[in-house]
Amino acid sequence: MSRSNSIDFYGSPFHFIGIGGIGMSALAYILAKRQLPITGSDLRSSEITERLQQLGVHIFSSQAETNLDYFVSQGNNSKNLPQVICSTAIHPDNAEYQAALTKGCPIFHRSDVLAALVAEYESIAVAGTHGKTTTSSLLSYVLFKTGIDPTVVVGGEVSAWGGNARVGNSGYLVAEADESDGSLVKLHPSIGIVTNIELDHPDHYQNLSAVVDIFQTFARQTETLVGCIDCETVRTAVQPDISYSLDLEKGANYTVSAVTYDGKGTTATVWEGGSVLGELHLKLLGQHNLSNALAVIATARQLGLQFEEIADAIAQFTGTKRRFEVYGKENNILFVDDYAHHPSELTATLAGARLQVENKQAQRLVAIFQPHRYSRTVAFLKEFATAFKAADLVVLTDIYSAGESPNGINGQHLAETMAQHHHNVIYHQDLSSLSDRLSNLLQPGDIALFLGAGNLNQIIPETMARLTQTKAA
């Protein structure tokens, strides 16, 4: 997508097509804080776009070719044509994109901007198929709380700094590094973290081997690689310089013992080499989040931080939006939203939530799932079918297309396959009427866990409101 060799951070304007996206908005925020002239377009207003507007970003509510004339009209100078930033989600026939081509605007992929920022800092890039957002947010929080004051570009919103990006005063940058479209290979960080490697984007990769190639390139371009050797592919394919594992027997540089998981969090004894560093207390649930925390500890120790200050910051972290995000309780039903959409993520998230049932903090775990992408549903149909064993009830809605065309599969097909492995599966195709159905299905004492990377979470407030009305009646 790049139509120019280098990005100009020294005064040339930028226009972001689809500026409200979680990755695009973070970059726009960083550039706006640098006082650079920024415009963008997005079809939907949100808290994210409003935050950018407060920084002086001009946002168009339609994606029209005339948007690109904004800076020219301001300065009446052809040199004021903006550098146009796109993500993989922008289709080549997009009107703004086509206009940018016609006008001769420099065009860059979102990852080109991130790569240019990474090159400017002592950068820490957090990569991996799962756990990137939690790990990068937790690491950013630890550095923030311990006085390192990093610049942050992550894929989730953190309440400590009110968003998915912040500009710090130090020379450090923490960035979430996405492998979904292959752009991971553009980054050359000082420290790289690889949490795990799996096939997750069959729309872009034909097989796991193609994904491994991307991570191997990233590893070669990283000065120091931190990796989880509980993932066999990480252990053998990228061979990290600093390793971590939840298994004391694997001989990792960082590991744990005396682990206790419950519905309120996790405690563990943390080891560095053959020495005990101390006790860790983590509010985030489940094995996967303990592994993420261990990645943060390994990285923070590499930066010279003391374990006590690392552990103190980790103990205060409550998570990011859409990662086991608690909306609240209604009629004694706990409403939680989670971005999990790959079978491995779903299994891990449900296992963490199940702890609350096992510890008598809840009576049932109800998983409400919106599959994400037809290509992913087809590729992992068998894995999806067995990923929900920890749930007492599964409510499935139709597939969120994410712009893909149907390929012969739908939510009904997945529900029928899932029902062969789970005793209690309900399929409700229409998202608009799902709140009404849930208000009858949910019971006091339930955890209602909404899962998926689409728009399922938009019905949570409505569902809670219906229960309020029912209780009042």
Protein backbone atom coordinates (compact mmCIF):
# COMPACT_ATOMS: atom_id res chain seq x y z
CA MET A 1 0.00 0.00 0.00
CA SER A 2 2.93 2.36 0.58
CA ARG A 3 3.37 4.89 -2.23
CA SER A 4 6.35 6.73 -0.69
CA ASN A 5 9.62 5.73 0.92
CA SER A 6 9.41 7.67 4.16
CA ILE A 7 6.88 9.22 6.50
CA ASP A 8 7.28 12.89 7.37
CA PHE A 9 6.75 13.60 11.07
CA TYR A 10 7.92 17.20 10.74
CA GLY A 11 4.91 19.19 9.67
CA SER A 12 3.27 17.49 6.68
CA PRO A 13 -0.43 16.79 7.33
CA PHE A 14 -1.96 13.33 7.76
CA HIS A 15 -5.37 11.96 6.80
CA PHE A 16 -6.51 8.65 8.35
CA ILE A 17 -9.16 6.69 6.44
CA GLY A 18 -11.14 4.92 9.15
CA ILE A 19 -9.62 6.92 12.00
CA GLY A 20 -11.92 5.44 14.65
CA GLY A 21 -10.37 1.97 14.50
CA ILE A 22 -8.48 0.91 17.61
CA GLY A 23 -5.11 0.76 15.85
CA MET A 24 -5.58 3.80 13.63
CA SER A 25 -6.84 6.02 16.42
CA ALA A 26 -3.88 5.24 18.66
CA LEU A 27 -1.45 6.41 15.98
CA ALA A 28 -3.54 9.48 15.19
CA TYR A 29 -3.52 10.35 18.90
CA ILE A 30 0.29 10.17 19.11
CA LEU A 31 0.71 12.38 16.03
CA ALA A 32 -1.92 14.85 17.20
CA LYS A 33 -0.10 15.18 20.54
CA ARG A 34 2.95 16.16 18.47
CA GLN A 35 0.90 19.09 17.17
CA LEU A 36 0.86 17.69 13.64
CA PRO A 37 -2.12 18.60 11.42
CA ILE A 38 -4.45 15.60 11.35
CA THR A 39 -7.76 14.82 9.68
CA GLY A 40 -9.62 11.55 9.44
CA SER A 41 -12.85 9.96 8.38
CA ASP A 42 -15.09 7.45 10.08
CA LEU A 43 -18.67 6.45 9.49
CA ARG A 44 -19.43 6.21 13.21
CA SER A 45 -18.81 8.62 16.04
CA SER A 46 -17.43 7.14 19.27
CA GLU A 47 -15.61 8.04 22.47
CA ILE A 48 -12.39 7.44 20.53
CA THR A 49 -13.23 9.92 17.76
CA GLU A 50 -14.47 12.46 20.30
CA ARG A 51 -11.15 12.19 22.17
CA LEU A 52 -9.30 12.92 18.93
CA GLN A 53 -11.54 15.87 18.16
CA GLN A 54 -10.69 17.34 21.56
CA LEU A 55 -7.05 17.33 20.41
CA GLY A 56 -7.98 19.35 17.33
CA VAL A 57 -8.31 16.49 14.84
CA HIS A 58 -10.86 17.30 12.13
CA ILE A 59 -13.02 14.22 11.53
CA PHE A 60 -15.37 13.73 8.58
CA SER A 61 -18.46 11.56 9.06
CA SER A 62 -18.35 10.23 5.49
CA GLN A 63 -15.60 8.75 3.37
CA ALA A 64 -15.60 11.09 0.38
CA GLU A 65 -12.84 12.12 -1.99
CA THR A 66 -13.39 15.80 -1.13
CA ASN A 67 -12.08 15.11 2.40
CA LEU A 68 -8.56 15.13 0.97
CA ASP A 69 -8.93 18.76 -0.11
CA TYR A 70 -9.19 20.03 3.47
CA PHE A 71 -5.54 21.00 3.84
CA VAL A 72 -5.33 22.39 0.30
CA SER A 73 -8.31 24.65 1.02
CA GLN A 74 -6.65 25.72 4.24
CA GLY A 75 -3.37 26.67 2.57
CA ASN A 76 -4.32 26.82 -1.15
CA ASN A 77 -1.11 24.93 -1.88
CA SER A 78 -0.78 21.57 -3.59
CA LYS A 79 2.02 20.71 -1.18
CA ASN A 80 -0.63 20.53 1.53
CA LEU A 81 -1.93 17.25 0.16
CA PRO A 82 -1.95 14.92 3.19
CA GLN A 83 -0.06 11.74 3.81
CA VAL A 84 -2.91 9.21 3.67
CA ILE A 85 -2.94 6.38 6.21
CA CYS A 86 -4.97 3.21 5.65
CA SER A 87 -5.41 -0.09 7.41
CA THR A 88 -5.92 -3.51 5.86
CA ALA A 89 -9.66 -3.01 6.43
CA ILE A 90 -9.76 -0.29 3.74
CA HIS A 91 -10.77 -1.83 0.42
CA PRO A 92 -8.96 -0.63 -2.74
CA ASP A 93 -12.24 0.68 -4.21
CA ASN A 94 -12.79 2.99 -1.23
CA ALA A 95 -13.60 6.49 -2.59
CA GLU A 96 -11.03 8.27 -0.42
CA TYR A 97 -8.33 5.75 -1.26
CA GLN A 98 -9.03 6.09 -4.98
CA ALA A 99 -8.96 9.88 -4.68
CA ALA A 100 -5.63 9.71 -2.86
CA LEU A 101 -4.20 7.69 -5.75
CA THR A 102 -5.55 10.14 -8.31
CA LYS A 103 -4.27 13.21 -6.46
CA GLY A 104 -0.83 11.69 -5.91
CA CYS A 105 -0.98 11.72 -2.11
CA PRO A 106 1.71 9.72 -0.29
CA ILE A 107 -0.13 6.60 0.88
CA PHE A 108 0.98 4.45 3.81
CA HIS A 109 -0.31 1.44 5.67
CA ARG A 110 -1.00 1.89 9.38
CA SER A 111 1.96 -0.37 10.10
CA ASP A 112 4.31 2.01 8.27
CA VAL A 113 3.50 4.74 10.80
CA LEU A 114 4.01 2.34 13.68
CA ALA A 115 7.32 1.14 12.25
CA ALA A 116 8.52 4.73 11.92
CA LEU A 117 7.60 5.41 15.56
CA VAL A 118 9.27 2.19 16.73
CA ALA A 119 12.47 3.30 15.01
CA GLU A 120 12.49 6.58 16.94
CA TYR A 121 12.44 5.04 20.43
CA GLU A 122 13.91 2.33 22.62
CA SER A 123 10.92 0.26 21.60
CA ILE A 124 9.27 -2.80 23.08
CA ALA A 125 6.99 -4.56 20.58
CA VAL A 126 4.52 -7.10 21.95
CA ALA A 127 3.63 -9.78 19.41
CA GLY A 128 1.84 -13.12 19.48
CA THR A 129 -1.39 -14.68 18.32
CA HIS A 130 -3.09 -14.19 21.70
CA GLY A 131 -2.48 -11.97 24.70
CA LYS A 132 -0.93 -8.99 22.91
CA THR A 133 -3.31 -6.36 24.22
CA THR A 134 -3.26 -7.50 27.84
CA THR A 135 0.52 -7.95 27.85
CA SER A 136 1.28 -4.62 26.17
CA SER A 137 -1.20 -2.77 28.39
CA LEU A 138 0.10 -4.40 31.57
CA LEU A 139 3.71 -3.69 30.62
CA SER A 140 2.84 -0.08 29.81
CA TYR A 141 1.08 0.22 33.15
CA VAL A 142 4.07 -1.20 35.04
CA LEU A 143 6.46 1.23 33.32
CA PHE A 144 4.02 4.09 33.89
CA LYS A 145 3.67 3.29 37.62
CA THR A 146 7.41 2.84 38.13
CA GLY A 147 8.31 6.21 36.65
CA ILE A 148 9.65 5.21 33.24
CA ASP A 149 6.83 7.17 31.56
CA PRO A 150 6.58 5.37 28.19
CA THR A 151 4.82 6.36 25.02
CA VAL A 152 2.13 3.73 24.41
CA VAL A 153 0.33 2.37 21.33
CA VAL A 154 -1.89 -0.59 22.23
CA GLY A 155 -5.04 -2.31 21.01
CA GLY A 156 -7.12 -1.73 24.14
CA GLU A 157 -8.22 1.15 26.29
CA VAL A 158 -6.61 1.51 29.71
CA SER A 159 -8.30 3.66 32.34
CA ALA A 160 -4.96 4.78 33.90
CA TRP A 161 -4.33 7.05 30.91
CA GLY A 162 -7.83 7.17 29.47
CA GLY A 163 -7.37 5.46 26.14
CA ASN A 164 -5.36 3.24 23.82
CA ALA A 165 -2.39 5.60 23.50
CA ARG A 166 -0.36 8.06 25.52
CA VAL A 167 2.72 10.21 24.94
CA GLY A 168 5.38 9.87 27.61
CA ASN A 169 8.48 11.89 28.35
CA SER A 170 10.99 9.04 28.25
CA GLY A 171 12.76 7.41 25.34
CA TYR A 172 10.67 4.22 25.65
CA LEU A 173 7.77 3.12 23.47
CA VAL A 174 5.52 0.10 24.12
CA ALA A 175 3.63 -1.02 21.02
CA GLU A 176 1.25 -3.85 20.28
CA ALA A 177 2.56 -5.58 17.14
CA ASP A 178 -0.03 -7.20 14.90
CA GLU A 179 0.73 -10.24 12.76
CA SER A 180 -2.73 -10.51 11.19
CA ASP A 181 -1.72 -9.01 7.82
CA GLY A 182 2.00 -9.76 7.82
CA SER A 183 3.03 -6.20 8.71
CA LEU A 184 4.88 -7.44 11.80
CA VAL A 185 7.98 -7.78 9.61
CA LYS A 186 8.29 -3.98 9.33
CA LEU A 187 9.27 -3.59 12.98
CA HIS A 188 12.82 -3.48 14.36
CA PRO A 189 12.34 -3.12 18.14
CA SER A 190 14.91 -3.08 20.92
CA ILE A 191 12.90 -5.74 22.78
CA GLY A 192 10.33 -8.03 21.23
CA ILE A 193 7.87 -10.23 23.11
CA VAL A 194 6.24 -13.28 21.52
CA THR A 195 3.44 -14.70 23.68
CA ASN A 196 2.50 -17.62 21.39
CA ILE A 197 2.20 -18.53 17.73
CA GLU A 198 -0.92 -20.09 16.19
CA LEU A 199 -2.87 -19.81 12.96
CA ASP A 200 -5.60 -17.24 13.62
CA HIS A 201 -6.11 -15.40 10.32
CA PRO A 202 -6.82 -17.97 7.58
CA ASP A 203 -8.00 -15.08 5.41
CA HIS A 204 -4.34 -14.00 5.16
CA TYR A 205 -2.27 -17.13 5.89
CA GLN A 206 -2.64 -20.52 4.23
CA ASN A 207 -1.06 -22.45 7.08
CA LEU A 208 0.88 -22.23 10.33
CA SER A 209 4.19 -22.36 8.47
CA ALA A 210 3.40 -19.02 6.81
CA VAL A 211 2.68 -17.48 10.23
CA VAL A 212 5.96 -18.88 11.62
CA ASP A 213 7.88 -17.23 8.76
CA ILE A 214 6.53 -13.83 9.81
CA PHE A 215 7.53 -14.34 13.44
CA GLN A 216 10.97 -15.61 12.50
CA THR A 217 11.59 -12.43 10.50
CA PHE A 218 10.39 -10.36 13.47
CA ALA A 219 12.73 -12.31 15.78
CA ARG A 220 15.75 -11.69 13.52
CA GLN A 221 14.99 -7.95 13.52
CA THR A 222 14.68 -7.74 17.31
CA GLU A 223 17.70 -6.99 19.48
CA THR A 224 16.43 -9.00 22.47
CA LEU A 225 13.57 -11.49 22.15
CA VAL A 226 11.42 -12.51 25.13
CA GLY A 227 9.28 -15.58 24.46
CA CYS A 228 6.92 -18.07 26.09
CA ILE A 229 8.33 -21.58 25.76
CA ASP A 230 5.04 -23.11 26.92
CA CYS A 231 4.20 -22.62 23.24
CA GLU A 232 6.20 -25.30 21.43
CA THR A 233 6.27 -23.23 18.24
CA VAL A 234 7.83 -20.27 20.04
CA ARG A 235 10.38 -22.54 21.71
CA THR A 236 11.50 -24.26 18.53
CA ALA A 237 10.87 -21.73 15.75
CA VAL A 238 12.04 -18.42 17.23
CA GLN A 239 14.24 -19.56 20.16
CA PRO A 240 13.92 -16.52 22.47
CA ASP A 241 16.89 -14.92 24.19
CA ILE A 242 14.89 -14.66 27.42
CA SER A 243 12.31 -17.35 28.07
CA TYR A 244 9.35 -17.66 30.42
CA SER A 245 7.10 -20.55 31.32
CA LEU A 246 4.44 -21.56 33.83
CA ASP A 247 6.18 -24.95 34.15
CA LEU A 248 9.08 -24.94 36.59
CA GLU A 249 10.50 -28.05 34.90
CA LYS A 250 11.06 -26.41 31.50
CA GLY A 251 14.12 -24.48 32.63
CA ALA A 252 12.90 -21.05 31.53
CA ASN A 253 14.63 -17.88 32.68
CA TYR A 254 11.41 -16.82 34.40
CA THR A 255 8.88 -19.21 35.89
CA VAL A 256 6.45 -19.70 38.78
CA SER A 257 5.61 -22.13 41.56
CA ALA A 258 2.99 -22.38 44.32
CA VAL A 259 0.33 -21.02 41.96
CA THR A 260 -3.20 -20.46 43.27
CA TYR A 261 -6.02 -19.60 40.88
CA ASP A 262 -9.40 -18.49 42.15
CA GLY A 263 -12.31 -16.32 41.13
CA LYS A 264 -10.70 -13.16 42.49
CA GLY A 265 -7.30 -13.51 40.81
CA THR A 266 -4.02 -15.40 40.95
CA THR A 267 -1.10 -15.66 43.35
CA ALA A 268 2.27 -17.23 42.57
CA THR A 269 5.91 -17.38 43.57
CA VAL A 270 8.08 -15.97 40.78
CA TRP A 271 11.54 -17.35 39.94
CA GLU A 272 14.39 -15.75 38.01
CA GLY A 273 16.90 -18.41 37.05
CA GLY A 274 17.39 -20.48 40.19
CA SER A 275 16.39 -17.71 42.63
CA VAL A 276 13.04 -16.69 44.05
CA LEU A 277 12.14 -13.10 43.20
CA GLY A 278 9.07 -12.96 45.42
CA GLU A 279 5.28 -13.26 45.52
CA LEU A 280 3.01 -12.05 42.74
CA HIS A 281 -0.64 -11.08 43.16
CA LEU A 282 -2.66 -10.63 39.97
CA LYS A 283 -6.28 -9.47 39.72
CA LEU A 284 -6.65 -10.87 36.21
CA LEU A 285 -8.15 -14.36 36.06
CA GLY A 286 -6.71 -17.55 34.64
CA GLN A 287 -3.52 -19.25 33.50
CA HIS A 288 -3.22 -17.18 30.35
CA ASN A 289 -3.06 -13.95 32.30
CA LEU A 290 -0.41 -15.31 34.67
CA SER A 291 1.64 -16.11 31.57
CA ASN A 292 1.11 -12.56 30.28
CA ALA A 293 2.25 -11.18 33.64
CA LEU A 294 5.37 -13.32 33.50
CA ALA A 295 6.23 -11.81 30.11
CA VAL A 296 5.92 -8.37 31.68
CA ILE A 297 8.15 -9.33 34.62
CA ALA A 298 10.83 -10.73 32.30
CA THR A 299 10.80 -7.55 30.20
CA ALA A 300 10.72 -5.15 33.14
CA ARG A 301 13.66 -6.97 34.75
CA GLN A 302 15.55 -6.62 31.46
CA LEU A 303 15.00 -2.87 31.82
CA GLY A 304 16.53 -2.95 35.31
CA LEU A 305 13.39 -2.62 37.44
CA GLN A 306 13.24 -4.19 40.89
CA PHE A 307 10.79 -7.05 41.33
CA GLU A 308 9.06 -5.40 44.31
CA GLU A 309 8.05 -2.35 42.26
CA ILE A 310 7.04 -4.52 39.31
CA ALA A 311 4.87 -6.76 41.52
CA ASP A 312 3.29 -3.76 43.24
CA ALA A 313 2.23 -2.26 39.90
CA ILE A 314 0.93 -5.59 38.57
CA ALA A 315 -1.18 -6.05 41.71
CA GLN A 316 -2.96 -2.75 40.96
CA PHE A 317 -3.77 -3.45 37.30
CA THR A 318 -7.46 -4.16 36.64
CA GLY A 319 -7.27 -4.85 32.90
CA THR A 320 -8.32 -3.22 29.64
CA LYS A 321 -11.62 -2.73 27.93
CA ARG A 322 -13.03 -5.82 26.20
CA ARG A 323 -10.68 -8.14 28.11
CA PHE A 324 -12.94 -9.67 30.75
CA GLU A 325 -14.43 -6.22 31.17
CA VAL A 326 -17.09 -6.21 33.87
CA TYR A 327 -20.11 -4.08 32.92
CA GLY A 328 -21.81 -4.60 36.26
CA LYS A 329 -24.53 -6.66 37.93
CA GLU A 330 -28.26 -6.68 37.31
CA ASN A 331 -30.70 -9.04 39.05
CA ASN A 332 -27.60 -10.70 40.58
CA ILE A 333 -26.29 -11.53 37.09
CA LEU A 334 -22.69 -10.47 36.36
CA PHE A 335 -22.27 -9.04 32.85
CA VAL A 336 -18.80 -9.40 31.31
CA ASP A 337 -17.46 -8.58 27.84
CA ASP A 338 -14.41 -10.25 26.30
CA TYR A 339 -12.79 -9.91 22.87
CA ALA A 340 -11.89 -13.64 22.66
CA HIS A 341 -12.71 -14.98 19.19
CA HIS A 342 -10.16 -17.74 18.47
CA PRO A 343 -10.79 -21.22 19.97
CA SER A 344 -7.66 -21.02 22.14
CA GLU A 345 -8.68 -17.62 23.48
CA LEU A 346 -12.22 -18.80 24.15
CA THR A 347 -11.00 -21.86 26.04
CA ALA A 348 -8.64 -19.79 28.18
CA THR A 349 -11.18 -17.06 28.93
CA LEU A 350 -13.93 -19.54 29.81
CA ALA A 351 -11.53 -21.47 32.06
CA GLY A 352 -10.74 -18.26 33.93
CA ALA A 353 -14.43 -17.42 34.30
CA ARG A 354 -15.21 -20.97 35.44
CA LEU A 355 -13.11 -20.34 38.55
CA GLN A 356 -15.86 -18.05 39.83
CA VAL A 357 -18.36 -20.92 39.63
CA GLU A 358 -15.96 -23.39 41.24
CA ASN A 359 -15.33 -20.95 44.08
CA LYS A 360 -19.09 -20.46 44.64
CA GLN A 361 -18.99 -16.84 43.49
CA ALA A 362 -21.49 -17.71 40.75
CA GLN A 363 -23.90 -20.53 40.00
CA ARG A 364 -23.72 -20.81 36.20
CA LEU A 365 -21.41 -19.67 33.42
CA VAL A 366 -23.40 -18.59 30.36
CA ALA A 367 -21.33 -17.96 27.21
CA ILE A 368 -22.93 -15.70 24.60
CA PHE A 369 -20.81 -15.96 21.46
CA GLN A 370 -20.73 -14.13 18.13
CA PRO A 371 -18.37 -15.91 15.70
CA HIS A 372 -16.01 -13.53 13.87
CA ARG A 373 -15.38 -13.98 10.12
CA TYR A 374 -16.62 -16.78 7.87
CA SER A 375 -13.04 -17.79 7.00
CA ARG A 376 -12.10 -18.28 10.66
CA THR A 377 -15.31 -20.21 11.42
CA VAL A 378 -14.67 -22.64 8.54
CA ALA A 379 -10.97 -23.08 9.35
CA PHE A 380 -11.55 -23.81 13.06
CA LEU A 381 -15.02 -25.37 13.03
CA LYS A 382 -13.97 -28.45 15.03
CA GLU A 383 -11.99 -26.38 17.51
CA PHE A 384 -14.89 -23.97 18.07
CA ALA A 385 -17.20 -26.91 18.63
CA THR A 386 -15.17 -28.12 21.62
CA ALA A 387 -14.01 -24.76 23.04
CA PHE A 388 -17.05 -24.14 25.24
CA LYS A 389 -16.92 -27.10 27.62
CA ALA A 390 -16.45 -24.83 30.64
CA ALA A 391 -19.81 -23.12 30.01
CA ASP A 392 -23.09 -24.36 31.45
CA LEU A 393 -25.05 -22.78 28.62
CA VAL A 394 -23.90 -21.51 25.22
CA VAL A 395 -25.98 -18.96 23.31
CA LEU A 396 -24.78 -18.52 19.75
CA THR A 397 -25.70 -15.78 17.31
CA ASP A 398 -24.88 -15.46 13.62
CA ILE A 399 -21.40 -14.81 12.24
CA TYR A 400 -20.01 -11.27 12.19
CA SER A 401 -18.67 -10.96 8.64
CA ALA A 402 -15.98 -8.26 9.19
CA GLY A 403 -16.47 -7.44 5.51
CA GLU A 404 -16.14 -11.02 4.23
CA SER A 405 -18.61 -12.61 1.83
CA PRO A 406 -20.51 -15.71 3.03
CA ASN A 407 -18.76 -18.94 2.09
CA GLY A 408 -21.46 -21.51 2.75
CA ILE A 409 -21.33 -21.50 6.54
CA ASN A 410 -23.49 -19.70 9.09
CA GLY A 411 -24.09 -19.63 12.82
CA GLN A 412 -26.71 -22.40 12.59
CA HIS A 413 -24.10 -24.75 11.13
CA LEU A 414 -21.68 -23.96 13.95
CA ALA A 415 -24.42 -24.42 16.56
CA GLU A 416 -25.30 -27.86 15.19
CA THR A 417 -21.64 -28.90 15.22
CA MET A 418 -21.18 -27.52 18.73
CA ALA A 419 -24.27 -29.37 19.98
CA GLN A 420 -22.49 -32.66 19.23
CA HIS A 421 -20.01 -31.81 22.01
CA HIS A 422 -22.03 -29.63 24.39
CA HIS A 423 -25.30 -30.53 26.10
CA ASN A 424 -26.83 -27.04 26.15
CA VAL A 425 -26.46 -24.93 23.00
CA ILE A 426 -29.05 -22.38 21.82
CA TYR A 427 -28.85 -20.66 18.45
CA HIS A 428 -30.46 -17.23 18.08
CA GLN A 429 -29.67 -15.76 14.68
CA ASP A 430 -30.95 -12.20 15.03
CA LEU A 431 -28.73 -9.94 17.13
CA SER A 432 -31.41 -7.25 17.36
CA SER A 433 -33.77 -9.51 19.31
CA LEU A 434 -31.13 -11.37 21.33
CA SER A 435 -31.51 -9.09 24.37
CA ASP A 436 -35.14 -10.11 24.74
CA ARG A 437 -34.19 -13.80 24.51
CA LEU A 438 -31.39 -13.42 27.06
CA SER A 439 -33.63 -11.65 29.55
CA ASN A 440 -35.63 -14.90 29.70
CA LEU A 441 -32.66 -17.29 29.65
CA LEU A 442 -30.45 -15.66 32.28
CA GLN A 443 -30.93 -16.46 35.96
CA PRO A 444 -29.78 -14.83 39.21
CA GLY A 445 -26.29 -16.10 40.04
CA ASP A 446 -25.19 -16.33 36.39
CA ILE A 447 -22.06 -14.93 34.81
CA ALA A 448 -23.19 -13.69 31.39
CA LEU A 449 -19.96 -13.71 29.38
CA PHE A 450 -20.27 -12.00 25.98
CA LEU A 451 -17.55 -13.25 23.62
CA GLY A 452 -16.35 -12.13 20.20
CA ALA A 453 -14.52 -9.44 18.26
CA GLY A 454 -17.60 -8.06 16.53
CA ASN A 455 -20.47 -5.91 17.79
CA LEU A 456 -22.10 -8.34 20.24
CA ASN A 457 -21.15 -6.20 23.24
CA GLN A 458 -23.47 -3.45 22.00
CA ILE A 459 -26.47 -5.39 23.33
CA ILE A 460 -25.13 -5.68 26.90
CA PRO A 461 -26.63 -2.38 28.16
CA GLU A 462 -29.98 -3.21 26.55
CA THR A 463 -30.01 -6.68 28.12
CA MET A 464 -29.24 -5.23 31.55
CA ALA A 465 -31.97 -2.63 31.07
CA ARG A 466 -34.53 -5.31 30.19
CA LEU A 467 -33.71 -7.16 33.39
CA THR A 468 -34.14 -3.92 35.35
CA GLN A 469 -37.59 -3.46 33.81
CA THR A 470 -38.51 -7.07 34.52
CA LYS A 471 -37.47 -6.74 38.17
CA ALA A 472 -39.40 -3.48 38.53
CA ALA A 473 -42.54 -5.08 37.09
